[in-house]
Amino acid sequence: MKKTATLIALSLAFVLAGCNTVKGVGQDVQRAGGAIERAANK
């Protein structure tokens, strides 16, 4: 039972960390797109 609980906790931690990473990458891409758009408008 302890092994199962530990495995579930670790899996949940990795999933949550992955979501934060994907969110961060999305924000970076959005900022880069905004910078390219501003440069194109100059």
N, C-alpha and C. Protein backbone atom coordinates (compact mmCIF):
# COMPACT_ATOMS: atom_id res chain seq x y z
N MET A 1 0.83 -1.19 0.00
CA MET A 1 0.00 0.00 0.00
C MET A 1 0.87 1.25 0.00
N LYS A 2 1.96 1.23 0.78
CA LYS A 2 2.85 2.39 0.83
C LYS A 2 3.50 2.64 -0.53
N LYS A 3 3.88 1.56 -1.20
CA LYS A 3 4.52 1.71 -2.51
C LYS A 3 3.55 2.33 -3.52
N THR A 4 2.30 1.91 -3.46
CA THR A 4 1.30 2.44 -4.38
C THR A 4 1.06 3.92 -4.12
N ALA A 5 0.94 4.30 -2.86
CA ALA A 5 0.72 5.70 -2.51
C ALA A 5 1.91 6.55 -2.94
N THR A 6 3.11 6.04 -2.75
CA THR A 6 4.31 6.76 -3.16
C THR A 6 4.36 6.93 -4.67
N LEU A 7 4.03 5.88 -5.39
CA LEU A 7 4.02 5.94 -6.84
C LEU A 7 2.99 6.95 -7.35
N ILE A 8 1.82 6.96 -6.75
CA ILE A 8 0.79 7.92 -7.15
C ILE A 8 1.23 9.34 -6.86
N ALA A 9 1.84 9.57 -5.69
CA ALA A 9 2.30 10.90 -5.32
C ALA A 9 3.39 11.39 -6.28
N LEU A 10 4.32 10.52 -6.62
CA LEU A 10 5.38 10.90 -7.55
C LEU A 10 4.83 11.18 -8.94
N SER A 11 3.88 10.37 -9.38
CA SER A 11 3.27 10.58 -10.69
C SER A 11 2.54 11.92 -10.73
N LEU A 12 1.82 12.22 -9.67
CA LEU A 12 1.11 13.50 -9.61
C LEU A 12 2.08 14.67 -9.63
N ALA A 13 3.19 14.54 -8.92
CA ALA A 13 4.19 15.60 -8.90
C ALA A 13 4.77 15.84 -10.30
N PHE A 14 5.05 14.76 -11.03
CA PHE A 14 5.58 14.91 -12.38
C PHE A 14 4.56 15.53 -13.32
N VAL A 15 3.31 15.16 -13.19
CA VAL A 15 2.26 15.72 -14.04
C VAL A 15 2.12 17.21 -13.78
N LEU A 16 2.09 17.60 -12.51
CA LEU A 16 1.97 19.01 -12.19
C LEU A 16 3.18 19.81 -12.65
N ALA A 17 4.35 19.25 -12.51
CA ALA A 17 5.57 19.93 -12.98
C ALA A 17 5.54 20.07 -14.49
N GLY A 18 5.04 19.06 -15.19
CA GLY A 18 4.94 19.12 -16.64
C GLY A 18 3.97 20.20 -17.09
N CYS A 19 2.87 20.35 -16.38
CA CYS A 19 1.89 21.39 -16.74
C CYS A 19 2.51 22.77 -16.58
N ASN A 20 3.25 22.97 -15.50
CA ASN A 20 3.89 24.26 -15.30
C ASN A 20 4.92 24.54 -16.38
N THR A 21 5.64 23.51 -16.79
CA THR A 21 6.65 23.67 -17.82
C THR A 21 6.00 24.04 -19.15
N VAL A 22 4.95 23.36 -19.52
CA VAL A 22 4.25 23.63 -20.78
C VAL A 22 3.66 25.04 -20.74
N LYS A 23 3.11 25.43 -19.61
CA LYS A 23 2.56 26.79 -19.48
C LYS A 23 3.66 27.82 -19.67
N GLY A 24 4.82 27.59 -19.07
CA GLY A 24 5.95 28.51 -19.20
C GLY A 24 6.44 28.62 -20.63
N VAL A 25 6.52 27.49 -21.31
CA VAL A 25 6.94 27.50 -22.72
C VAL A 25 5.93 28.28 -23.56
N GLY A 26 4.66 28.07 -23.29
CA GLY A 26 3.62 28.81 -24.02
C GLY A 26 3.74 30.31 -23.83
N GLN A 27 4.03 30.72 -22.62
CA GLN A 27 4.20 32.15 -22.35
C GLN A 27 5.43 32.69 -23.06
N ASP A 28 6.51 31.94 -23.07
CA ASP A 28 7.72 32.37 -23.77
C ASP A 28 7.47 32.53 -25.26
N VAL A 29 6.77 31.57 -25.84
CA VAL A 29 6.48 31.63 -27.27
C VAL A 29 5.58 32.83 -27.57
N GLN A 30 4.63 33.09 -26.69
CA GLN A 30 3.74 34.23 -26.88
C GLN A 30 4.52 35.54 -26.83
N ARG A 31 5.43 35.66 -25.90
CA ARG A 31 6.25 36.87 -25.80
C ARG A 31 7.14 37.04 -27.02
N ALA A 32 7.70 35.94 -27.49
CA ALA A 32 8.55 36.01 -28.68
C ALA A 32 7.73 36.43 -29.89
N GLY A 33 6.53 35.91 -30.01
CA GLY A 33 5.65 36.30 -31.11
C GLY A 33 5.31 37.77 -31.05
N GLY A 34 5.07 38.29 -29.84
CA GLY A 34 4.78 39.70 -29.67
C GLY A 34 5.97 40.57 -30.07
N ALA A 35 7.17 40.13 -29.72
CA ALA A 35 8.37 40.88 -30.08
C ALA A 35 8.57 40.89 -31.60
N ILE A 36 8.32 39.78 -32.24
CA ILE A 36 8.45 39.71 -33.71
C ILE A 36 7.41 40.61 -34.36
N GLU A 37 6.20 40.60 -33.81
CA GLU A 37 5.13 41.44 -34.37
C GLU A 37 5.49 42.93 -34.22
N ARG A 38 6.01 43.32 -33.07
CA ARG A 38 6.38 44.72 -32.86
C ARG A 38 7.51 45.11 -33.81
N ALA A 39 8.47 44.23 -34.02
CA ALA A 39 9.58 44.51 -34.93
C ALA A 39 9.08 44.65 -36.36
N ALA A 40 8.09 43.86 -36.73
CA ALA A 40 7.55 43.92 -38.09
C ALA A 40 6.76 45.21 -38.31
N ASN A 41 6.17 45.73 -37.25
CA ASN A 41 5.38 46.96 -37.38
C ASN A 41 6.24 48.22 -37.46
N LYS A 42 7.51 48.12 -37.13
CA LYS A 42 8.39 49.31 -37.15
C LYS A 42 8.76 49.70 -38.55
